[in-house]
Amino acid sequence: MATRDRKDPPEPGCTPAEETELQRKVRKQHESRNQDEALEETFPASDPVSPFVPAKLPDPK
């Protein structure tokens, strides 16, 4: 059985159920935890890149 995403359009002939405040709060907390976990898994790739410092040109003699 395939799972459906919340943003998928409803199946033909089916009306989407309204979400209660409690269901919305639980869903938002779950989404927030998933986002926090995904961010932690990307560390240290999310660190800023160190600035490039070009080498000095040799003195002409």
N, C-alpha and C. Protein backbone atom coordinates (compact mmCIF):
# COMPACT_ATOMS: atom_id res chain seq x y z
N MET A 1 0.84 -1.18 0.00
CA MET A 1 0.00 0.00 0.00
C MET A 1 0.90 1.25 0.00
N ALA A 2 0.67 2.12 -0.93
CA ALA A 2 1.46 3.34 -1.04
C ALA A 2 0.95 4.38 -0.05
N THR A 3 1.88 5.10 0.55
CA THR A 3 1.47 6.17 1.45
C THR A 3 1.29 7.45 0.66
N ARG A 4 0.44 8.30 1.14
CA ARG A 4 0.17 9.55 0.45
C ARG A 4 0.73 10.70 1.28
N ASP A 5 1.28 11.66 0.59
CA ASP A 5 1.77 12.86 1.23
C ASP A 5 0.58 13.78 1.49
N ARG A 6 0.71 14.61 2.51
CA ARG A 6 -0.37 15.53 2.86
C ARG A 6 -0.70 16.48 1.71
N LYS A 7 0.30 16.76 0.87
CA LYS A 7 0.10 17.71 -0.22
C LYS A 7 -0.40 17.05 -1.50
N ASP A 8 -0.49 15.72 -1.51
CA ASP A 8 -1.01 15.03 -2.69
C ASP A 8 -2.48 15.39 -2.88
N PRO A 9 -2.94 15.48 -4.13
CA PRO A 9 -4.36 15.76 -4.35
C PRO A 9 -5.20 14.59 -3.87
N PRO A 10 -6.43 14.84 -3.42
CA PRO A 10 -7.27 13.74 -2.94
C PRO A 10 -7.64 12.79 -4.07
N GLU A 11 -7.90 11.54 -3.71
CA GLU A 11 -8.32 10.56 -4.70
C GLU A 11 -9.68 10.97 -5.25
N PRO A 12 -9.98 10.61 -6.49
CA PRO A 12 -11.29 10.96 -7.06
C PRO A 12 -12.43 10.41 -6.21
N GLY A 13 -13.41 11.24 -5.97
CA GLY A 13 -14.58 10.84 -5.18
C GLY A 13 -14.37 10.90 -3.68
N CYS A 14 -13.22 11.35 -3.25
CA CYS A 14 -12.91 11.42 -1.82
C CYS A 14 -12.77 12.88 -1.41
N THR A 15 -13.41 13.25 -0.32
CA THR A 15 -13.26 14.62 0.18
C THR A 15 -12.25 14.60 1.33
N PRO A 16 -11.29 15.52 1.33
CA PRO A 16 -10.29 15.53 2.40
C PRO A 16 -10.91 15.87 3.75
N ALA A 17 -10.44 15.18 4.79
CA ALA A 17 -10.94 15.42 6.14
C ALA A 17 -10.33 16.70 6.69
N GLU A 18 -11.09 17.44 7.46
CA GLU A 18 -10.58 18.65 8.10
C GLU A 18 -9.67 18.25 9.26
N GLU A 19 -8.66 19.02 9.49
CA GLU A 19 -7.67 18.77 10.53
C GLU A 19 -8.06 19.54 11.79
N THR A 20 -8.05 18.87 12.94
CA THR A 20 -8.36 19.56 14.21
C THR A 20 -7.13 20.35 14.65
N GLU A 21 -7.32 21.24 15.61
CA GLU A 21 -6.20 22.03 16.14
C GLU A 21 -5.14 21.12 16.74
N LEU A 22 -5.56 20.08 17.47
CA LEU A 22 -4.61 19.15 18.08
C LEU A 22 -3.83 18.40 17.00
N GLN A 23 -4.51 17.92 15.97
CA GLN A 23 -3.84 17.22 14.88
C GLN A 23 -2.84 18.14 14.18
N ARG A 24 -3.22 19.39 13.98
CA ARG A 24 -2.33 20.36 13.33
C ARG A 24 -1.09 20.60 14.18
N LYS A 25 -1.28 20.75 15.50
CA LYS A 25 -0.16 20.99 16.40
C LYS A 25 0.80 19.80 16.40
N VAL A 26 0.26 18.58 16.45
CA VAL A 26 1.09 17.38 16.44
C VAL A 26 1.84 17.27 15.12
N ARG A 27 1.16 17.55 14.00
CA ARG A 27 1.80 17.48 12.69
C ARG A 27 2.93 18.50 12.58
N LYS A 28 2.67 19.73 13.04
CA LYS A 28 3.70 20.78 12.97
C LYS A 28 4.91 20.41 13.83
N GLN A 29 4.69 19.84 15.02
CA GLN A 29 5.81 19.43 15.87
C GLN A 29 6.63 18.33 15.20
N HIS A 30 5.94 17.39 14.57
CA HIS A 30 6.62 16.31 13.86
C HIS A 30 7.45 16.86 12.70
N GLU A 31 6.88 17.77 11.93
CA GLU A 31 7.61 18.37 10.81
C GLU A 31 8.83 19.14 11.31
N SER A 32 8.67 19.84 12.43
CA SER A 32 9.78 20.61 12.99
C SER A 32 10.90 19.69 13.46
N ARG A 33 10.55 18.58 14.12
CA ARG A 33 11.57 17.62 14.56
C ARG A 33 12.30 17.02 13.35
N ASN A 34 11.53 16.69 12.31
CA ASN A 34 12.16 16.13 11.10
C ASN A 34 13.12 17.13 10.47
N GLN A 35 12.74 18.40 10.43
CA GLN A 35 13.60 19.42 9.85
C GLN A 35 14.86 19.62 10.69
N ASP A 36 14.71 19.63 12.02
CA ASP A 36 15.87 19.77 12.90
C ASP A 36 16.84 18.60 12.72
N GLU A 37 16.29 17.38 12.62
CA GLU A 37 17.13 16.20 12.44
C GLU A 37 17.86 16.25 11.10
N ALA A 38 17.17 16.66 10.05
CA ALA A 38 17.81 16.76 8.73
C ALA A 38 18.93 17.78 8.75
N LEU A 39 18.73 18.89 9.45
CA LEU A 39 19.77 19.92 9.55
C LEU A 39 20.99 19.38 10.29
N GLU A 40 20.76 18.65 11.39
CA GLU A 40 21.88 18.09 12.14
C GLU A 40 22.66 17.08 11.31
N GLU A 41 21.98 16.33 10.44
CA GLU A 41 22.65 15.33 9.61
C GLU A 41 23.51 15.97 8.53
N THR A 42 23.27 17.22 8.20
CA THR A 42 24.07 17.88 7.17
C THR A 42 25.33 18.51 7.74
N PHE A 43 25.46 18.56 9.06
CA PHE A 43 26.64 19.16 9.68
C PHE A 43 27.84 18.29 9.41
N PRO A 44 29.00 18.76 9.09
CA PRO A 44 29.46 20.13 9.02
C PRO A 44 29.37 20.75 7.63
N ALA A 45 28.65 20.11 6.72
CA ALA A 45 28.55 20.66 5.37
C ALA A 45 27.91 22.04 5.36
N SER A 46 27.18 22.37 6.40
CA SER A 46 26.52 23.67 6.45
C SER A 46 27.44 24.78 6.99
N ASP A 47 28.68 24.42 7.35
CA ASP A 47 29.61 25.44 7.84
C ASP A 47 29.97 26.39 6.71
N PRO A 48 30.21 27.64 7.02
CA PRO A 48 30.60 28.59 5.98
C PRO A 48 31.97 28.24 5.41
N VAL A 49 32.17 28.57 4.17
CA VAL A 49 33.44 28.33 3.51
C VAL A 49 34.45 29.37 3.98
N SER A 50 35.68 28.93 4.22
CA SER A 50 36.70 29.88 4.65
C SER A 50 37.07 30.79 3.48
N PRO A 51 37.39 32.04 3.77
CA PRO A 51 37.70 32.98 2.68
C PRO A 51 39.01 32.60 1.99
N PHE A 52 39.07 32.86 0.70
CA PHE A 52 40.28 32.60 -0.09
C PHE A 52 41.23 33.78 0.04
N VAL A 53 42.47 33.50 0.37
CA VAL A 53 43.49 34.54 0.46
C VAL A 53 44.54 34.22 -0.59
N PRO A 54 44.65 35.05 -1.66
CA PRO A 54 45.62 34.75 -2.72
C PRO A 54 47.05 34.94 -2.23
N ALA A 55 47.94 34.16 -2.81
CA ALA A 55 49.36 34.27 -2.47
C ALA A 55 49.93 35.57 -3.03
N LYS A 56 50.97 36.09 -2.38
CA LYS A 56 51.63 37.31 -2.87
C LYS A 56 52.47 36.99 -4.09
N LEU A 57 52.52 37.93 -5.01
CA LEU A 57 53.37 37.77 -6.19
C LEU A 57 54.82 37.94 -5.78
N PRO A 58 55.73 37.18 -6.40
CA PRO A 58 57.16 37.35 -6.06
C PRO A 58 57.66 38.73 -6.52
N ASP A 59 58.61 39.27 -5.77
CA ASP A 59 59.21 40.58 -6.11
C ASP A 59 60.02 40.44 -7.41
N PRO A 60 59.78 41.33 -8.38
CA PRO A 60 60.61 41.29 -9.61
C PRO A 60 62.01 41.83 -9.30
N LYS A 61 63.04 41.19 -9.81
CA LYS A 61 64.43 41.61 -9.54
C LYS A 61 65.12 42.08 -10.78
